[in-house]
Amino acid sequence: MSWVVGCQVDPAASGGVCPSNKTIWVAIPDQASPFNLDVAGAVNIGVAILSVWAVGWAFGKLARVINETDGG
């Protein structure tokens, strides 16, 4: 992937366009995303969120049962 980072002359002098022989390009290598955003990754994220919710829900229920049976 390449990016234009500048022009060696004032583009206004040539109708607002930088001449191709005066354009400064920088080549930036493509890098894979650090996030796994395919379908399997989305499923894993969903399962993780549901697991956290389920553990919180279970502890809430357990705390309620203990509180009710403990006379509190």
N, C-alpha and C. Protein backbone atom coordinates (compact mmCIF):
# COMPACT_ATOMS: atom_id res chain seq x y z
N MET A 1 0.85 -1.17 0.00
CA MET A 1 0.00 0.00 0.00
C MET A 1 0.89 1.23 0.00
N SER A 2 0.56 2.20 -0.80
CA SER A 2 1.35 3.43 -0.87
C SER A 2 0.48 4.63 -0.50
N TRP A 3 1.10 5.59 0.11
CA TRP A 3 0.40 6.81 0.49
C TRP A 3 1.15 8.01 -0.08
N VAL A 4 0.38 9.00 -0.54
CA VAL A 4 0.98 10.26 -0.95
C VAL A 4 1.16 11.10 0.30
N VAL A 5 2.39 11.54 0.54
CA VAL A 5 2.65 12.33 1.73
C VAL A 5 3.01 13.78 1.42
N GLY A 6 3.22 14.09 0.18
CA GLY A 6 3.55 15.47 -0.12
C GLY A 6 3.85 15.71 -1.58
N CYS A 7 4.09 16.96 -1.87
CA CYS A 7 4.41 17.38 -3.22
C CYS A 7 5.63 18.29 -3.13
N GLN A 8 6.57 18.11 -4.04
CA GLN A 8 7.81 18.89 -3.99
C GLN A 8 7.64 20.31 -4.51
N VAL A 9 6.51 20.61 -5.14
CA VAL A 9 6.23 21.96 -5.64
C VAL A 9 4.85 22.38 -5.12
N ASP A 10 4.53 23.63 -5.27
CA ASP A 10 3.22 24.13 -4.85
C ASP A 10 2.17 23.68 -5.88
N PRO A 11 1.20 22.84 -5.47
CA PRO A 11 0.19 22.38 -6.43
C PRO A 11 -0.65 23.51 -7.03
N ALA A 12 -0.76 24.62 -6.33
CA ALA A 12 -1.55 25.74 -6.85
C ALA A 12 -0.94 26.29 -8.14
N ALA A 13 0.36 26.12 -8.30
CA ALA A 13 1.02 26.63 -9.51
C ALA A 13 0.70 25.79 -10.74
N SER A 14 0.21 24.56 -10.52
CA SER A 14 -0.11 23.70 -11.67
C SER A 14 -1.59 23.31 -11.66
N GLY A 15 -2.44 24.26 -11.33
CA GLY A 15 -3.88 24.04 -11.38
C GLY A 15 -4.43 23.22 -10.21
N GLY A 16 -3.72 23.18 -9.11
CA GLY A 16 -4.20 22.46 -7.92
C GLY A 16 -3.86 20.98 -7.92
N VAL A 17 -3.06 20.53 -8.89
CA VAL A 17 -2.69 19.12 -8.97
C VAL A 17 -1.17 19.01 -8.90
N CYS A 18 -0.70 18.10 -8.09
CA CYS A 18 0.74 17.88 -8.00
C CYS A 18 1.20 17.06 -9.20
N PRO A 19 2.21 17.52 -9.91
CA PRO A 19 2.72 16.73 -11.04
C PRO A 19 3.23 15.37 -10.55
N SER A 20 3.03 14.35 -11.35
CA SER A 20 3.38 12.99 -10.93
C SER A 20 4.87 12.84 -10.64
N ASN A 21 5.70 13.60 -11.34
CA ASN A 21 7.15 13.48 -11.10
C ASN A 21 7.60 14.27 -9.87
N LYS A 22 6.71 14.99 -9.23
CA LYS A 22 7.03 15.76 -8.02
C LYS A 22 6.29 15.24 -6.79
N THR A 23 5.56 14.14 -6.96
CA THR A 23 4.78 13.57 -5.85
C THR A 23 5.69 12.70 -5.00
N ILE A 24 5.58 12.82 -3.69
CA ILE A 24 6.37 12.01 -2.75
C ILE A 24 5.47 10.89 -2.25
N TRP A 25 5.90 9.64 -2.49
CA TRP A 25 5.16 8.46 -2.09
C TRP A 25 5.90 7.73 -0.98
N VAL A 26 5.15 7.13 -0.08
CA VAL A 26 5.73 6.29 0.96
C VAL A 26 5.05 4.94 0.88
N ALA A 27 5.84 3.88 0.77
CA ALA A 27 5.29 2.52 0.72
C ALA A 27 5.13 2.00 2.15
N ILE A 28 3.92 1.62 2.48
CA ILE A 28 3.61 1.07 3.80
C ILE A 28 3.15 -0.37 3.61
N PRO A 29 3.86 -1.33 4.21
CA PRO A 29 3.47 -2.74 4.01
C PRO A 29 2.13 -3.03 4.67
N ASP A 30 1.35 -3.89 4.03
CA ASP A 30 0.07 -4.30 4.61
C ASP A 30 0.33 -5.16 5.84
N GLN A 31 -0.47 -4.95 6.86
CA GLN A 31 -0.36 -5.75 8.08
C GLN A 31 -1.72 -6.33 8.40
N ALA A 32 -1.72 -7.53 8.89
CA ALA A 32 -2.97 -8.17 9.30
C ALA A 32 -3.51 -7.47 10.53
N SER A 33 -4.82 -7.44 10.64
CA SER A 33 -5.46 -6.83 11.80
C SER A 33 -5.13 -7.63 13.06
N PRO A 34 -4.90 -6.96 14.18
CA PRO A 34 -4.65 -7.70 15.42
C PRO A 34 -5.92 -8.34 15.97
N PHE A 35 -7.06 -7.98 15.42
CA PHE A 35 -8.33 -8.53 15.86
C PHE A 35 -8.81 -9.59 14.88
N ASN A 36 -9.32 -10.68 15.39
CA ASN A 36 -9.85 -11.74 14.54
C ASN A 36 -11.32 -11.41 14.27
N LEU A 37 -11.59 -10.76 13.15
CA LEU A 37 -12.94 -10.26 12.89
C LEU A 37 -13.69 -11.10 11.87
N ASP A 38 -13.28 -12.37 11.69
CA ASP A 38 -14.04 -13.24 10.82
C ASP A 38 -15.21 -13.84 11.61
N VAL A 39 -15.98 -14.72 10.98
CA VAL A 39 -17.17 -15.28 11.63
C VAL A 39 -16.81 -16.05 12.89
N ALA A 40 -15.76 -16.85 12.82
CA ALA A 40 -15.35 -17.62 13.99
C ALA A 40 -14.93 -16.70 15.13
N GLY A 41 -14.26 -15.61 14.81
CA GLY A 41 -13.87 -14.64 15.84
C GLY A 41 -15.08 -13.96 16.46
N ALA A 42 -16.07 -13.64 15.64
CA ALA A 42 -17.29 -13.02 16.16
C ALA A 42 -18.03 -13.97 17.09
N VAL A 43 -18.06 -15.25 16.72
CA VAL A 43 -18.71 -16.25 17.58
C VAL A 43 -17.97 -16.35 18.90
N ASN A 44 -16.64 -16.37 18.85
CA ASN A 44 -15.86 -16.44 20.09
C ASN A 44 -16.10 -15.23 20.99
N ILE A 45 -16.19 -14.05 20.39
CA ILE A 45 -16.46 -12.84 21.18
C ILE A 45 -17.85 -12.93 21.80
N GLY A 46 -18.85 -13.38 21.03
CA GLY A 46 -20.21 -13.52 21.56
C GLY A 46 -20.27 -14.53 22.69
N VAL A 47 -19.60 -15.65 22.53
CA VAL A 47 -19.59 -16.67 23.59
C VAL A 47 -18.92 -16.12 24.84
N ALA A 48 -17.86 -15.37 24.69
CA ALA A 48 -17.17 -14.80 25.85
C ALA A 48 -18.08 -13.82 26.59
N ILE A 49 -18.80 -12.98 25.85
CA ILE A 49 -19.71 -12.01 26.48
C ILE A 49 -20.84 -12.73 27.20
N LEU A 50 -21.42 -13.73 26.55
CA LEU A 50 -22.50 -14.50 27.19
C LEU A 50 -22.00 -15.25 28.42
N SER A 51 -20.77 -15.75 28.37
CA SER A 51 -20.21 -16.46 29.52
C SER A 51 -20.04 -15.54 30.72
N VAL A 52 -19.53 -14.35 30.48
CA VAL A 52 -19.38 -13.38 31.57
C VAL A 52 -20.74 -13.03 32.16
N TRP A 53 -21.73 -12.81 31.28
CA TRP A 53 -23.07 -12.50 31.76
C TRP A 53 -23.64 -13.67 32.57
N ALA A 54 -23.46 -14.90 32.10
CA ALA A 54 -24.00 -16.08 32.78
C ALA A 54 -23.37 -16.26 34.15
N VAL A 55 -22.08 -16.05 34.26
CA VAL A 55 -21.42 -16.17 35.56
C VAL A 55 -21.95 -15.11 36.52
N GLY A 56 -22.10 -13.88 36.05
CA GLY A 56 -22.65 -12.83 36.90
C GLY A 56 -24.08 -13.13 37.32
N TRP A 57 -24.89 -13.63 36.39
CA TRP A 57 -26.28 -13.98 36.70
C TRP A 57 -26.32 -15.10 37.74
N ALA A 58 -25.47 -16.13 37.57
CA ALA A 58 -25.44 -17.26 38.51
C ALA A 58 -25.01 -16.82 39.90
N PHE A 59 -24.01 -15.96 39.98
CA PHE A 59 -23.59 -15.48 41.30
C PHE A 59 -24.67 -14.62 41.95
N GLY A 60 -25.40 -13.86 41.15
CA GLY A 60 -26.51 -13.08 41.70
C GLY A 60 -27.59 -13.98 42.26
N LYS A 61 -27.94 -15.02 41.52
CA LYS A 61 -28.94 -15.98 42.01
C LYS A 61 -28.46 -16.67 43.28
N LEU A 62 -27.19 -17.10 43.29
CA LEU A 62 -26.62 -17.77 44.45
C LEU A 62 -26.63 -16.84 45.67
N ALA A 63 -26.26 -15.59 45.47
CA ALA A 63 -26.27 -14.63 46.58
C ALA A 63 -27.68 -14.43 47.10
N ARG A 64 -28.67 -14.39 46.20
CA ARG A 64 -30.07 -14.22 46.63
C ARG A 64 -30.53 -15.41 47.44
N VAL A 65 -30.19 -16.62 46.98
CA VAL A 65 -30.60 -17.84 47.70
C VAL A 65 -29.94 -17.88 49.07
N ILE A 66 -28.66 -17.58 49.14
CA ILE A 66 -27.97 -17.59 50.43
C ILE A 66 -28.57 -16.55 51.35
N ASN A 67 -28.87 -15.39 50.83
CA ASN A 67 -29.45 -14.32 51.64
C ASN A 67 -30.81 -14.70 52.16
N GLU A 68 -31.63 -15.35 51.36
CA GLU A 68 -32.97 -15.73 51.78
C GLU A 68 -32.96 -16.89 52.78
N THR A 69 -32.05 -17.84 52.62
CA THR A 69 -32.01 -19.00 53.51
C THR A 69 -31.23 -18.68 54.78
N ASP A 70 -30.48 -17.61 54.79
CA ASP A 70 -29.66 -17.25 55.95
C ASP A 70 -30.43 -16.34 56.89
N GLY A 71 -31.63 -15.98 56.53
CA GLY A 71 -32.43 -15.12 57.37
C GLY A 71 -32.06 -13.65 57.23
N GLY A 72 -31.24 -13.32 56.23
CA GLY A 72 -30.79 -11.96 56.05
C GLY A 72 -31.71 -11.22 55.21
